[in-house]
Amino acid sequence: MSLALSIAIGTTVVLGGSSALSAAAATPTTVLGYDIDSASSLTVVVNKTRPLTPVTYGPAEFGAVNLAKPAADAFARMRHGMSKAGDGDLYISSGYRGYYSQRAIYRRDVAKLGLLRGQRLAAKPGYSEHQTGLAADLAAYGQGCVVKVCFSTTKASKWLVANAWRYGFILRYPQGQTKVTGYQFEPWHYRFVGKTLSIQMHKAKATVLETFLGLPPAPDYVP
C-alpha cells in the first residue's frame, strides 16, 4: 500500500473564523494511525524541522530510571533480555534531559566542534528526543565505547540491533542516514516508539523513522 494513501492528516477543513482555526491547529497529525505531533505521544516525531510543542515540554510521569514511564518499563524488560542472553548488563548513559539541560549541551558542543559538527551531534533545545523522555543513550558495563561510534562493535550493540524492536525501541540515527535524520551515526541512541510501530518497522525492514512514515528529510534547521 502506498504511504501517500496511508497518510491520514488529522486536521479539519477551515471554513472561516478564529475558533475554527484554533480547532484545526489543535488537532494532531496522524500518519499510518500514529500521532506524530503531540509531545506526549509515544510516536511523536522530533527532528530539526519538527520541534516539540511546547518547546519546554517534559514528561508527566517518570519510571524507575530517568525516562518517561512507558520507556522506563520497556527498558527494564530489554535490560533483562540482554542479560539473560549473556550479551551484557545494559545501562542508560543519558536519558531524559530538560529544555535547559539540552540548551547547555547544545551550546557546549557547538562551541567545541563548530556549528555544523555540533549540530550533527547535539539538538537544539526543544528539538531533542531526549526531552520527550523516550530516548536513551545506551551502554553496557565493562564493554567501553560509551557514547562513541565504536559502541557499534560491542556485544551489547549487536544484541540491540537484533532485538531492540521486540521491546518497542528503534535505533534512531542509523549509519549513512545523516541527510535524512540530520545527525551522525549514533549507535548508542535508541528511541522508544512502542511495540506496534517498532514491529511494523522491523517487518518492513525500515531503519529510519522519517522514511517509514513518509515524512520529508530533516537534515538542517529551518531558518
N, C-alpha and C. Protein backbone atom coordinates (compact mmCIF):
# COMPACT_ATOMS: atom_id res chain seq x y z
N MET A 1 0.84 -1.20 0.00
CA MET A 1 0.00 0.00 0.00
C MET A 1 0.87 1.24 0.00
N SER A 2 0.50 2.19 -0.80
CA SER A 2 1.27 3.43 -0.91
C SER A 2 1.22 4.21 0.39
N LEU A 3 2.39 4.70 0.81
CA LEU A 3 2.43 5.54 2.01
C LEU A 3 1.58 6.78 1.82
N ALA A 4 1.58 7.32 0.60
CA ALA A 4 0.79 8.52 0.34
C ALA A 4 -0.68 8.26 0.61
N LEU A 5 -1.17 7.04 0.28
CA LEU A 5 -2.56 6.71 0.51
C LEU A 5 -2.82 6.37 1.95
N SER A 6 -1.75 6.04 2.70
CA SER A 6 -1.91 5.64 4.09
C SER A 6 -1.85 6.80 5.04
N ILE A 7 -1.46 7.98 4.56
CA ILE A 7 -1.29 9.13 5.44
C ILE A 7 -2.64 9.78 5.71
N ALA A 8 -2.98 9.84 6.98
CA ALA A 8 -4.24 10.49 7.37
C ALA A 8 -3.90 11.75 8.12
N ILE A 9 -4.20 12.89 7.55
CA ILE A 9 -3.92 14.16 8.19
C ILE A 9 -5.07 14.51 9.13
N GLY A 10 -4.77 14.57 10.42
CA GLY A 10 -5.81 14.78 11.41
C GLY A 10 -6.16 16.23 11.60
N THR A 11 -6.46 16.95 10.54
CA THR A 11 -6.91 18.33 10.63
C THR A 11 -8.28 18.46 9.99
N THR A 12 -8.95 19.55 10.28
CA THR A 12 -10.27 19.76 9.71
C THR A 12 -10.23 20.85 8.65
N VAL A 13 -11.22 20.85 7.78
CA VAL A 13 -11.31 21.89 6.77
C VAL A 13 -11.77 23.17 7.45
N VAL A 14 -11.03 24.24 7.26
CA VAL A 14 -11.35 25.50 7.92
C VAL A 14 -12.20 26.36 6.99
N LEU A 15 -13.42 26.67 7.43
CA LEU A 15 -14.33 27.46 6.61
C LEU A 15 -14.29 28.93 6.98
N GLY A 16 -13.61 29.24 8.09
CA GLY A 16 -13.51 30.64 8.49
C GLY A 16 -13.77 30.78 9.96
N GLY A 17 -13.23 31.90 10.53
CA GLY A 17 -13.45 32.15 11.94
C GLY A 17 -12.27 31.69 12.75
N SER A 18 -11.95 32.44 13.82
CA SER A 18 -10.79 32.13 14.65
C SER A 18 -10.96 30.84 15.41
N SER A 19 -12.21 30.50 15.82
CA SER A 19 -12.42 29.27 16.57
C SER A 19 -12.14 28.05 15.71
N ALA A 20 -12.51 28.12 14.43
CA ALA A 20 -12.23 27.01 13.52
C ALA A 20 -10.74 26.85 13.31
N LEU A 21 -10.03 27.97 13.19
CA LEU A 21 -8.59 27.92 13.03
C LEU A 21 -7.93 27.31 14.25
N SER A 22 -8.39 27.65 15.44
CA SER A 22 -7.82 27.12 16.68
C SER A 22 -8.06 25.63 16.77
N ALA A 23 -9.25 25.19 16.38
CA ALA A 23 -9.56 23.76 16.44
C ALA A 23 -8.68 22.97 15.50
N ALA A 24 -8.45 23.51 14.29
CA ALA A 24 -7.61 22.81 13.32
C ALA A 24 -6.17 22.74 13.81
N ALA A 25 -5.69 23.84 14.38
CA ALA A 25 -4.31 23.89 14.84
C ALA A 25 -4.08 22.94 16.00
N ALA A 26 -5.16 22.68 16.81
CA ALA A 26 -5.01 21.84 17.99
C ALA A 26 -5.10 20.36 17.66
N THR A 27 -5.55 20.01 16.46
CA THR A 27 -5.72 18.62 16.09
C THR A 27 -4.40 18.04 15.59
N PRO A 28 -3.88 17.00 16.26
CA PRO A 28 -2.58 16.46 15.85
C PRO A 28 -2.64 15.73 14.52
N THR A 29 -1.53 15.74 13.83
CA THR A 29 -1.40 14.99 12.59
C THR A 29 -1.18 13.52 12.92
N THR A 30 -1.89 12.65 12.19
CA THR A 30 -1.65 11.22 12.35
C THR A 30 -1.17 10.66 11.01
N VAL A 31 -0.18 9.80 11.08
CA VAL A 31 0.35 9.13 9.89
C VAL A 31 0.34 7.64 10.16
N LEU A 32 -0.30 6.88 9.28
CA LEU A 32 -0.46 5.44 9.46
C LEU A 32 -1.12 5.13 10.80
N GLY A 33 -1.91 6.08 11.28
CA GLY A 33 -2.60 5.88 12.55
C GLY A 33 -1.83 6.33 13.78
N TYR A 34 -0.61 6.86 13.59
CA TYR A 34 0.23 7.29 14.71
C TYR A 34 0.20 8.80 14.86
N ASP A 35 0.04 9.25 16.10
CA ASP A 35 0.07 10.67 16.42
C ASP A 35 1.54 11.11 16.42
N ILE A 36 1.92 11.92 15.45
CA ILE A 36 3.32 12.33 15.34
C ILE A 36 3.56 13.77 15.80
N ASP A 37 2.51 14.41 16.30
CA ASP A 37 2.61 15.82 16.70
C ASP A 37 2.63 16.04 18.21
N SER A 38 1.75 15.35 18.93
CA SER A 38 1.61 15.60 20.36
C SER A 38 2.88 15.23 21.11
N ALA A 39 3.39 16.16 21.91
CA ALA A 39 4.65 15.93 22.61
C ALA A 39 4.60 14.72 23.52
N SER A 40 3.41 14.42 24.05
CA SER A 40 3.27 13.29 24.97
C SER A 40 3.04 11.96 24.27
N SER A 41 2.90 11.98 22.94
CA SER A 41 2.66 10.75 22.18
C SER A 41 3.92 9.89 22.12
N LEU A 42 3.75 8.58 22.24
CA LEU A 42 4.90 7.67 22.13
C LEU A 42 5.50 7.70 20.74
N THR A 43 4.73 8.17 19.77
CA THR A 43 5.20 8.16 18.39
C THR A 43 5.45 9.57 17.85
N VAL A 44 5.59 10.55 18.75
CA VAL A 44 5.89 11.90 18.30
C VAL A 44 7.20 11.91 17.51
N VAL A 45 7.22 12.63 16.41
CA VAL A 45 8.44 12.75 15.60
C VAL A 45 9.09 14.09 15.91
N VAL A 46 10.28 14.03 16.47
CA VAL A 46 11.04 15.22 16.82
C VAL A 46 12.31 15.23 15.99
N ASN A 47 12.49 16.25 15.19
CA ASN A 47 13.73 16.36 14.43
C ASN A 47 14.02 17.84 14.17
N LYS A 48 14.92 18.15 13.27
CA LYS A 48 15.36 19.54 13.09
C LYS A 48 14.32 20.43 12.42
N THR A 49 13.26 19.85 11.91
CA THR A 49 12.18 20.65 11.33
C THR A 49 10.89 20.49 12.12
N ARG A 50 10.92 19.66 13.18
CA ARG A 50 9.71 19.38 13.96
C ARG A 50 10.01 19.54 15.46
N PRO A 51 9.95 20.76 15.97
CA PRO A 51 10.18 20.97 17.40
C PRO A 51 9.00 20.48 18.24
N LEU A 52 9.27 20.28 19.51
CA LEU A 52 8.20 19.93 20.45
C LEU A 52 7.28 21.12 20.67
N THR A 53 6.03 20.83 20.96
CA THR A 53 5.07 21.87 21.32
C THR A 53 4.42 21.49 22.65
N PRO A 54 4.70 22.24 23.71
CA PRO A 54 5.56 23.43 23.76
C PRO A 54 7.04 23.03 23.76
N VAL A 55 7.90 23.98 23.45
CA VAL A 55 9.32 23.66 23.34
C VAL A 55 9.93 23.30 24.68
N THR A 56 9.28 23.66 25.77
CA THR A 56 9.80 23.33 27.11
C THR A 56 9.15 22.08 27.68
N TYR A 57 8.49 21.29 26.85
CA TYR A 57 7.77 20.09 27.29
C TYR A 57 8.67 19.15 28.10
N GLY A 58 8.05 18.49 29.09
CA GLY A 58 8.71 17.42 29.83
C GLY A 58 7.66 16.37 30.19
N PRO A 59 8.06 15.12 30.37
CA PRO A 59 7.11 14.04 30.67
C PRO A 59 6.38 14.29 31.99
N ALA A 60 5.14 13.81 32.07
CA ALA A 60 4.35 13.98 33.29
C ALA A 60 4.73 12.95 34.34
N GLU A 61 5.20 11.78 33.92
CA GLU A 61 5.50 10.69 34.86
C GLU A 61 6.77 9.96 34.43
N PHE A 62 7.64 9.74 35.39
CA PHE A 62 8.88 9.02 35.13
C PHE A 62 8.81 7.62 35.74
N GLY A 63 9.66 6.73 35.22
CA GLY A 63 9.74 5.38 35.73
C GLY A 63 10.89 5.22 36.71
N ALA A 64 11.33 3.99 36.87
CA ALA A 64 12.40 3.69 37.82
C ALA A 64 13.75 4.21 37.36
N VAL A 65 13.89 4.47 36.07
CA VAL A 65 15.11 5.08 35.53
C VAL A 65 14.71 6.43 34.92
N ASN A 66 15.68 7.20 34.47
CA ASN A 66 15.43 8.56 34.03
C ASN A 66 14.82 8.61 32.62
N LEU A 67 13.64 8.01 32.50
CA LEU A 67 12.88 8.02 31.26
C LEU A 67 11.40 8.14 31.61
N ALA A 68 10.59 8.58 30.65
CA ALA A 68 9.14 8.55 30.84
C ALA A 68 8.73 7.12 31.15
N LYS A 69 7.69 6.94 31.97
CA LYS A 69 7.38 5.62 32.50
C LYS A 69 7.24 4.52 31.45
N PRO A 70 6.52 4.71 30.34
CA PRO A 70 6.43 3.61 29.37
C PRO A 70 7.80 3.18 28.84
N ALA A 71 8.67 4.15 28.57
CA ALA A 71 10.01 3.82 28.08
C ALA A 71 10.85 3.17 29.18
N ALA A 72 10.72 3.65 30.41
CA ALA A 72 11.48 3.09 31.52
C ALA A 72 11.10 1.64 31.76
N ASP A 73 9.80 1.34 31.72
CA ASP A 73 9.34 -0.03 31.92
C ASP A 73 9.85 -0.95 30.82
N ALA A 74 9.80 -0.45 29.58
CA ALA A 74 10.29 -1.25 28.44
C ALA A 74 11.80 -1.45 28.53
N PHE A 75 12.51 -0.41 28.98
CA PHE A 75 13.96 -0.54 29.14
C PHE A 75 14.29 -1.64 30.14
N ALA A 76 13.55 -1.72 31.24
CA ALA A 76 13.81 -2.75 32.25
C ALA A 76 13.66 -4.14 31.65
N ARG A 77 12.64 -4.32 30.81
CA ARG A 77 12.44 -5.61 30.16
C ARG A 77 13.56 -5.90 29.16
N MET A 78 13.99 -4.88 28.44
CA MET A 78 15.07 -5.06 27.46
C MET A 78 16.38 -5.38 28.16
N ARG A 79 16.66 -4.70 29.24
CA ARG A 79 17.88 -4.97 30.00
C ARG A 79 17.89 -6.42 30.48
N HIS A 80 16.75 -6.88 30.97
CA HIS A 80 16.65 -8.27 31.43
C HIS A 80 16.89 -9.24 30.27
N GLY A 81 16.33 -8.90 29.10
CA GLY A 81 16.51 -9.76 27.93
C GLY A 81 17.96 -9.87 27.51
N MET A 82 18.68 -8.75 27.52
CA MET A 82 20.09 -8.79 27.16
C MET A 82 20.90 -9.59 28.18
N SER A 83 20.60 -9.36 29.45
CA SER A 83 21.32 -10.09 30.50
C SER A 83 21.09 -11.59 30.39
N LYS A 84 19.85 -11.96 30.14
CA LYS A 84 19.50 -13.38 30.01
C LYS A 84 20.22 -14.02 28.83
N ALA A 85 20.42 -13.24 27.76
CA ALA A 85 21.12 -13.74 26.57
C ALA A 85 22.63 -13.80 26.78
N GLY A 86 23.12 -13.18 27.85
CA GLY A 86 24.55 -13.19 28.13
C GLY A 86 25.36 -12.20 27.33
N ASP A 87 24.70 -11.15 26.83
CA ASP A 87 25.39 -10.20 25.97
C ASP A 87 25.71 -8.86 26.65
N GLY A 88 25.43 -8.74 27.92
CA GLY A 88 25.83 -7.53 28.61
C GLY A 88 24.83 -7.06 29.64
N ASP A 89 25.32 -6.17 30.48
CA ASP A 89 24.48 -5.53 31.50
C ASP A 89 24.25 -4.09 31.06
N LEU A 90 23.08 -3.85 30.53
CA LEU A 90 22.75 -2.57 29.89
C LEU A 90 22.48 -1.48 30.93
N TYR A 91 22.89 -0.26 30.60
CA TYR A 91 22.52 0.88 31.43
C TYR A 91 22.33 2.11 30.57
N ILE A 92 21.71 3.13 31.16
CA ILE A 92 21.44 4.37 30.46
C ILE A 92 22.52 5.38 30.79
N SER A 93 23.26 5.78 29.77
CA SER A 93 24.29 6.80 29.95
C SER A 93 23.65 8.17 30.07
N SER A 94 22.60 8.41 29.28
CA SER A 94 21.86 9.66 29.35
C SER A 94 20.43 9.40 28.90
N GLY A 95 19.46 9.80 29.73
CA GLY A 95 18.06 9.60 29.40
C GLY A 95 17.37 10.93 29.18
N TYR A 96 16.39 11.21 30.01
CA TYR A 96 15.66 12.46 29.89
C TYR A 96 16.58 13.65 30.15
N ARG A 97 16.48 14.65 29.28
CA ARG A 97 17.16 15.92 29.50
C ARG A 97 16.15 17.04 29.26
N GLY A 98 15.99 17.91 30.22
CA GLY A 98 15.05 19.01 30.10
C GLY A 98 15.54 20.08 29.14
N TYR A 99 14.68 21.02 28.86
CA TYR A 99 14.97 22.09 27.91
C TYR A 99 16.28 22.80 28.23
N TYR A 100 16.48 23.18 29.48
CA TYR A 100 17.64 23.98 29.83
C TYR A 100 18.92 23.14 29.87
N SER A 101 18.81 21.88 30.26
CA SER A 101 19.97 20.98 30.19
C SER A 101 20.40 20.78 28.74
N GLN A 102 19.41 20.60 27.86
CA GLN A 102 19.72 20.41 26.45
C GLN A 102 20.34 21.67 25.86
N ARG A 103 19.86 22.82 26.28
CA ARG A 103 20.44 24.07 25.80
C ARG A 103 21.91 24.18 26.15
N ALA A 104 22.28 23.77 27.36
CA ALA A 104 23.68 23.82 27.79
C ALA A 104 24.54 22.85 26.97
N ILE A 105 24.01 21.66 26.70
CA ILE A 105 24.75 20.66 25.92
C ILE A 105 24.93 21.14 24.48
N TYR A 106 23.87 21.71 23.91
CA TYR A 106 23.94 22.22 22.54
C TYR A 106 24.99 23.31 22.43
N ARG A 107 24.97 24.26 23.34
CA ARG A 107 25.93 25.36 23.30
C ARG A 107 27.36 24.84 23.49
N ARG A 108 27.54 23.87 24.36
CA ARG A 108 28.86 23.31 24.60
C ARG A 108 29.41 22.63 23.34
N ASP A 109 28.58 21.79 22.71
CA ASP A 109 29.06 21.04 21.54
C ASP A 109 29.32 21.95 20.35
N VAL A 110 28.49 22.97 20.16
CA VAL A 110 28.71 23.90 19.06
C VAL A 110 29.98 24.71 19.29
N ALA A 111 30.22 25.12 20.54
CA ALA A 111 31.44 25.87 20.86
C ALA A 111 32.68 25.01 20.67
N LYS A 112 32.57 23.74 20.97
CA LYS A 112 33.71 22.83 20.89
C LYS A 112 33.97 22.35 19.47
N LEU A 113 32.92 22.04 18.72
CA LEU A 113 33.06 21.38 17.42
C LEU A 113 32.76 22.29 16.23
N GLY A 114 32.21 23.46 16.47
CA GLY A 114 31.76 24.31 15.38
C GLY A 114 30.30 24.04 15.10
N LEU A 115 29.65 24.95 14.37
CA LEU A 115 28.21 24.87 14.17
C LEU A 115 27.79 23.61 13.45
N LEU A 116 28.42 23.27 12.32
CA LEU A 116 27.98 22.13 11.52
C LEU A 116 28.15 20.82 12.28
N ARG A 117 29.35 20.55 12.79
CA ARG A 117 29.59 19.30 13.51
C ARG A 117 28.81 19.25 14.82
N GLY A 118 28.72 20.40 15.49
CA GLY A 118 27.99 20.44 16.74
C GLY A 118 26.53 20.11 16.56
N GLN A 119 25.92 20.62 15.48
CA GLN A 119 24.51 20.37 15.23
C GLN A 119 24.23 18.95 14.74
N ARG A 120 25.26 18.27 14.27
CA ARG A 120 25.08 16.87 13.88
C ARG A 120 25.19 15.93 15.06
N LEU A 121 25.60 16.47 16.21
CA LEU A 121 25.75 15.66 17.41
C LEU A 121 24.71 16.02 18.47
N ALA A 122 24.43 17.29 18.63
CA ALA A 122 23.52 17.74 19.68
C ALA A 122 22.37 18.55 19.10
N ALA A 123 21.18 18.30 19.61
CA ALA A 123 20.00 19.02 19.13
C ALA A 123 19.82 20.33 19.88
N LYS A 124 19.19 21.27 19.20
CA LYS A 124 18.78 22.49 19.87
C LYS A 124 17.74 22.15 20.94
N PRO A 125 17.67 22.93 22.01
CA PRO A 125 16.62 22.70 23.00
C PRO A 125 15.25 22.86 22.35
N GLY A 126 14.35 21.96 22.71
CA GLY A 126 13.03 21.96 22.07
C GLY A 126 12.95 21.09 20.84
N TYR A 127 14.10 20.66 20.34
CA TYR A 127 14.18 19.80 19.15
C TYR A 127 14.82 18.45 19.48
N SER A 128 14.96 18.14 20.75
CA SER A 128 15.68 16.94 21.16
C SER A 128 14.75 15.82 21.59
N GLU A 129 15.00 14.61 21.11
CA GLU A 129 14.24 13.44 21.55
C GLU A 129 14.43 13.19 23.04
N HIS A 130 15.59 13.53 23.56
CA HIS A 130 15.84 13.30 24.99
C HIS A 130 14.82 14.06 25.84
N GLN A 131 14.35 15.18 25.34
CA GLN A 131 13.41 16.00 26.10
C GLN A 131 12.05 15.32 26.23
N THR A 132 11.74 14.36 25.36
CA THR A 132 10.47 13.63 25.45
C THR A 132 10.49 12.60 26.56
N GLY A 133 11.68 12.22 27.00
CA GLY A 133 11.80 11.14 27.97
C GLY A 133 11.70 9.76 27.34
N LEU A 134 11.69 9.72 26.01
CA LEU A 134 11.56 8.45 25.29
C LEU A 134 12.85 7.99 24.65
N ALA A 135 13.91 8.79 24.74
CA ALA A 135 15.18 8.46 24.11
C ALA A 135 16.25 8.20 25.16
N ALA A 136 17.14 7.28 24.86
CA ALA A 136 18.20 6.93 25.81
C ALA A 136 19.50 6.66 25.07
N ASP A 137 20.58 7.19 25.61
CA ASP A 137 21.92 6.82 25.16
C ASP A 137 22.33 5.61 25.98
N LEU A 138 22.53 4.48 25.31
CA LEU A 138 22.74 3.21 25.99
C LEU A 138 24.20 2.79 25.98
N ALA A 139 24.57 2.04 27.00
CA ALA A 139 25.91 1.48 27.12
C ALA A 139 25.79 0.20 27.94
N ALA A 140 26.88 -0.55 27.99
CA ALA A 140 26.88 -1.79 28.78
C ALA A 140 28.11 -1.79 29.67
N TYR A 141 27.94 -2.18 30.91
CA TYR A 141 29.05 -2.21 31.87
C TYR A 141 30.17 -3.11 31.35
N GLY A 142 31.39 -2.57 31.41
CA GLY A 142 32.57 -3.35 31.07
C GLY A 142 32.86 -3.49 29.59
N GLN A 143 32.04 -2.88 28.72
CA GLN A 143 32.26 -3.02 27.28
C GLN A 143 32.83 -1.76 26.64
N GLY A 144 32.91 -0.66 27.39
CA GLY A 144 33.54 0.56 26.88
C GLY A 144 32.73 1.22 25.78
N CYS A 145 33.41 2.16 25.09
CA CYS A 145 32.82 2.86 23.94
C CYS A 145 31.51 3.57 24.29
N VAL A 146 31.49 4.22 25.43
CA VAL A 146 30.29 4.92 25.88
C VAL A 146 30.10 6.21 25.09
N VAL A 147 28.95 6.33 24.43
CA VAL A 147 28.62 7.46 23.57
C VAL A 147 29.72 7.69 22.54
N LYS A 148 30.16 6.61 21.93
CA LYS A 148 31.16 6.65 20.87
C LYS A 148 30.72 5.71 19.75
N VAL A 149 31.15 6.02 18.53
CA VAL A 149 30.76 5.19 17.38
C VAL A 149 31.22 3.75 17.56
N CYS A 150 32.33 3.54 18.27
CA CYS A 150 32.83 2.18 18.46
C CYS A 150 31.88 1.32 19.29
N PHE A 151 30.85 1.93 19.89
CA PHE A 151 29.86 1.13 20.60
C PHE A 151 29.23 0.10 19.67
N SER A 152 29.19 0.42 18.38
CA SER A 152 28.58 -0.48 17.39
C SER A 152 29.30 -1.82 17.31
N THR A 153 30.53 -1.90 17.78
CA THR A 153 31.31 -3.14 17.70
C THR A 153 31.13 -4.01 18.94
N THR A 154 30.44 -3.53 19.95
CA THR A 154 30.30 -4.27 21.20
C THR A 154 29.21 -5.34 21.10
N LYS A 155 29.29 -6.33 22.00
CA LYS A 155 28.26 -7.36 22.05
C LYS A 155 26.89 -6.76 22.35
N ALA A 156 26.89 -5.79 23.24
CA ALA A 156 25.62 -5.16 23.63
C ALA A 156 24.96 -4.49 22.43
N SER A 157 25.74 -3.76 21.64
CA SER A 157 25.18 -3.07 20.49
C SER A 157 24.63 -4.07 19.47
N LYS A 158 25.36 -5.13 19.23
CA LYS A 158 24.90 -6.12 18.25
C LYS A 158 23.60 -6.78 18.71
N TRP A 159 23.48 -6.99 20.03
CA TRP A 159 22.23 -7.55 20.56
C TRP A 159 21.09 -6.55 20.38
N LEU A 160 21.36 -5.29 20.65
CA LEU A 160 20.33 -4.25 20.49
C LEU A 160 19.85 -4.14 19.05
N VAL A 161 20.77 -4.16 18.11
CA VAL A 161 20.40 -4.07 16.70
C VAL A 161 19.46 -5.21 16.32
N ALA A 162 19.73 -6.39 16.89
CA ALA A 162 18.93 -7.56 16.55
C ALA A 162 17.62 -7.66 17.33
N ASN A 163 17.57 -7.04 18.52
CA ASN A 163 16.45 -7.32 19.40
C ASN A 163 15.69 -6.13 19.96
N ALA A 164 16.20 -4.91 19.85
CA ALA A 164 15.55 -3.76 20.49
C ALA A 164 14.09 -3.60 20.03
N TRP A 165 13.81 -3.90 18.78
CA TRP A 165 12.45 -3.76 18.24
C TRP A 165 11.43 -4.59 19.02
N ARG A 166 11.87 -5.71 19.59
CA ARG A 166 10.97 -6.57 20.35
C ARG A 166 10.41 -5.86 21.59
N TYR A 167 11.13 -4.83 22.03
CA TYR A 167 10.75 -4.12 23.26
C TYR A 167 10.21 -2.72 22.98
N GLY A 168 10.05 -2.40 21.71
CA GLY A 168 9.48 -1.11 21.35
C GLY A 168 10.49 -0.01 21.08
N PHE A 169 11.78 -0.38 20.97
CA PHE A 169 12.83 0.60 20.72
C PHE A 169 13.35 0.49 19.28
N ILE A 170 13.80 1.63 18.74
CA ILE A 170 14.45 1.64 17.44
C ILE A 170 15.77 2.40 17.55
N LEU A 171 16.75 1.99 16.74
CA LEU A 171 17.99 2.76 16.60
C LEU A 171 17.61 3.99 15.79
N ARG A 172 17.72 5.15 16.42
CA ARG A 172 17.13 6.35 15.81
C ARG A 172 17.99 6.98 14.72
N TYR A 173 19.32 6.92 14.85
CA TYR A 173 20.19 7.59 13.89
C TYR A 173 21.15 6.59 13.27
N PRO A 174 20.67 5.81 12.30
CA PRO A 174 21.49 4.76 11.68
C PRO A 174 22.64 5.32 10.84
N GLN A 175 23.56 4.46 10.53
CA GLN A 175 24.72 4.85 9.73
C GLN A 175 24.30 5.20 8.31
N GLY A 176 24.90 6.27 7.78
CA GLY A 176 24.64 6.66 6.40
C GLY A 176 23.34 7.39 6.17
N GLN A 177 22.66 7.83 7.25
CA GLN A 177 21.36 8.46 7.09
C GLN A 177 21.34 9.91 7.58
N THR A 178 22.50 10.54 7.66
CA THR A 178 22.58 11.92 8.15
C THR A 178 21.76 12.87 7.30
N LYS A 179 21.69 12.63 5.99
CA LYS A 179 20.93 13.52 5.11
C LYS A 179 19.42 13.46 5.38
N VAL A 180 18.99 12.41 6.06
CA VAL A 180 17.58 12.28 6.42
C VAL A 180 17.35 12.71 7.87
N THR A 181 18.18 12.20 8.78
CA THR A 181 17.95 12.44 10.20
C THR A 181 18.55 13.74 10.71
N GLY A 182 19.61 14.22 10.02
CA GLY A 182 20.30 15.42 10.47
C GLY A 182 21.38 15.15 11.49
N TYR A 183 21.57 13.88 11.85
CA TYR A 183 22.57 13.53 12.87
C TYR A 183 23.53 12.46 12.36
N GLN A 184 24.73 12.51 12.91
CA GLN A 184 25.72 11.49 12.58
C GLN A 184 25.24 10.13 13.07
N PHE A 185 25.92 9.09 12.66
CA PHE A 185 25.63 7.74 13.13
C PHE A 185 25.82 7.70 14.65
N GLU A 186 24.74 7.35 15.36
CA GLU A 186 24.80 7.26 16.82
C GLU A 186 24.31 5.88 17.25
N PRO A 187 25.20 4.89 17.28
CA PRO A 187 24.78 3.52 17.62
C PRO A 187 24.31 3.37 19.05
N TRP A 188 24.51 4.40 19.86
CA TRP A 188 24.10 4.36 21.27
C TRP A 188 22.71 4.93 21.50
N HIS A 189 22.15 5.66 20.54
CA HIS A 189 20.91 6.42 20.75
C HIS A 189 19.70 5.61 20.29
N TYR A 190 18.92 5.16 21.27
CA TYR A 190 17.71 4.39 20.98
C TYR A 190 16.48 5.16 21.43
N ARG A 191 15.43 5.00 20.67
CA ARG A 191 14.18 5.73 20.92
C ARG A 191 13.04 4.75 21.12
N PHE A 192 12.28 4.94 22.19
CA PHE A 192 11.09 4.13 22.42
C PHE A 192 9.93 4.70 21.61
N VAL A 193 9.33 3.85 20.78
CA VAL A 193 8.18 4.27 19.96
C VAL A 193 6.97 3.38 20.21
N GLY A 194 7.13 2.40 21.09
CA GLY A 194 6.06 1.43 21.32
C GLY A 194 6.21 0.22 20.42
N LYS A 195 5.73 -0.93 20.88
CA LYS A 195 5.96 -2.18 20.16
C LYS A 195 5.22 -2.24 18.82
N THR A 196 4.05 -1.63 18.74
CA THR A 196 3.30 -1.71 17.47
C THR A 196 4.11 -1.11 16.33
N LEU A 197 4.64 0.08 16.54
CA LEU A 197 5.41 0.75 15.50
C LEU A 197 6.75 0.06 15.28
N SER A 198 7.44 -0.32 16.34
CA SER A 198 8.76 -0.96 16.18
C SER A 198 8.64 -2.28 15.43
N ILE A 199 7.57 -3.02 15.68
CA ILE A 199 7.36 -4.30 14.98
C ILE A 199 7.05 -4.05 13.51
N GLN A 200 6.23 -3.04 13.23
CA GLN A 200 5.93 -2.71 11.84
C GLN A 200 7.19 -2.31 11.08
N MET A 201 8.03 -1.49 11.72
CA MET A 201 9.27 -1.08 11.06
C MET A 201 10.18 -2.28 10.82
N HIS A 202 10.25 -3.16 11.79
CA HIS A 202 11.10 -4.36 11.64
C HIS A 202 10.61 -5.23 10.48
N LYS A 203 9.31 -5.45 10.42
CA LYS A 203 8.76 -6.29 9.35
C LYS A 203 8.98 -5.67 7.98
N ALA A 204 8.96 -4.33 7.93
CA ALA A 204 9.17 -3.63 6.66
C ALA A 204 10.65 -3.42 6.35
N LYS A 205 11.52 -3.86 7.27
CA LYS A 205 12.98 -3.66 7.13
C LYS A 205 13.31 -2.17 7.02
N ALA A 206 12.51 -1.36 7.69
CA ALA A 206 12.72 0.09 7.69
C ALA A 206 13.67 0.47 8.81
N THR A 207 14.62 1.34 8.52
CA THR A 207 15.62 1.72 9.51
C THR A 207 15.52 3.18 9.95
N VAL A 208 14.74 3.98 9.23
CA VAL A 208 14.65 5.41 9.56
C VAL A 208 13.19 5.79 9.78
N LEU A 209 12.90 6.40 10.89
CA LEU A 209 11.53 6.75 11.26
C LEU A 209 10.88 7.66 10.23
N GLU A 210 11.58 8.72 9.82
CA GLU A 210 11.01 9.64 8.84
C GLU A 210 10.65 8.94 7.54
N THR A 211 11.54 8.10 7.06
CA THR A 211 11.30 7.40 5.79
C THR A 211 10.11 6.47 5.90
N PHE A 212 10.03 5.71 6.98
CA PHE A 212 8.92 4.78 7.16
C PHE A 212 7.58 5.49 7.19
N LEU A 213 7.54 6.67 7.83
CA LEU A 213 6.29 7.41 7.96
C LEU A 213 6.00 8.32 6.76
N GLY A 214 6.91 8.32 5.78
CA GLY A 214 6.70 9.15 4.60
C GLY A 214 6.90 10.62 4.84
N LEU A 215 7.70 10.96 5.85
CA LEU A 215 7.97 12.36 6.17
C LEU A 215 9.20 12.85 5.42
N PRO A 216 9.30 14.14 5.18
CA PRO A 216 10.47 14.67 4.47
C PRO A 216 11.73 14.58 5.31
N PRO A 217 12.89 14.51 4.68
CA PRO A 217 14.16 14.54 5.41
C PRO A 217 14.27 15.82 6.24
N ALA A 218 15.06 15.73 7.31
CA ALA A 218 15.24 16.90 8.18
C ALA A 218 16.73 17.10 8.48
N PRO A 219 17.52 17.37 7.44
CA PRO A 219 18.98 17.47 7.65
C PRO A 219 19.41 18.72 8.37
N ASP A 220 18.60 19.79 8.28
CA ASP A 220 19.01 21.08 8.86
C ASP A 220 17.81 21.77 9.48
N TYR A 221 18.13 22.70 10.38
CA TYR A 221 17.08 23.53 10.97
C TYR A 221 16.53 24.51 9.94
N VAL A 222 15.24 24.75 10.03
CA VAL A 222 14.62 25.75 9.15
C VAL A 222 14.99 27.13 9.70
N PRO A 223 15.53 28.02 8.86
CA PRO A 223 15.93 29.36 9.33
C PRO A 223 14.76 30.11 9.95
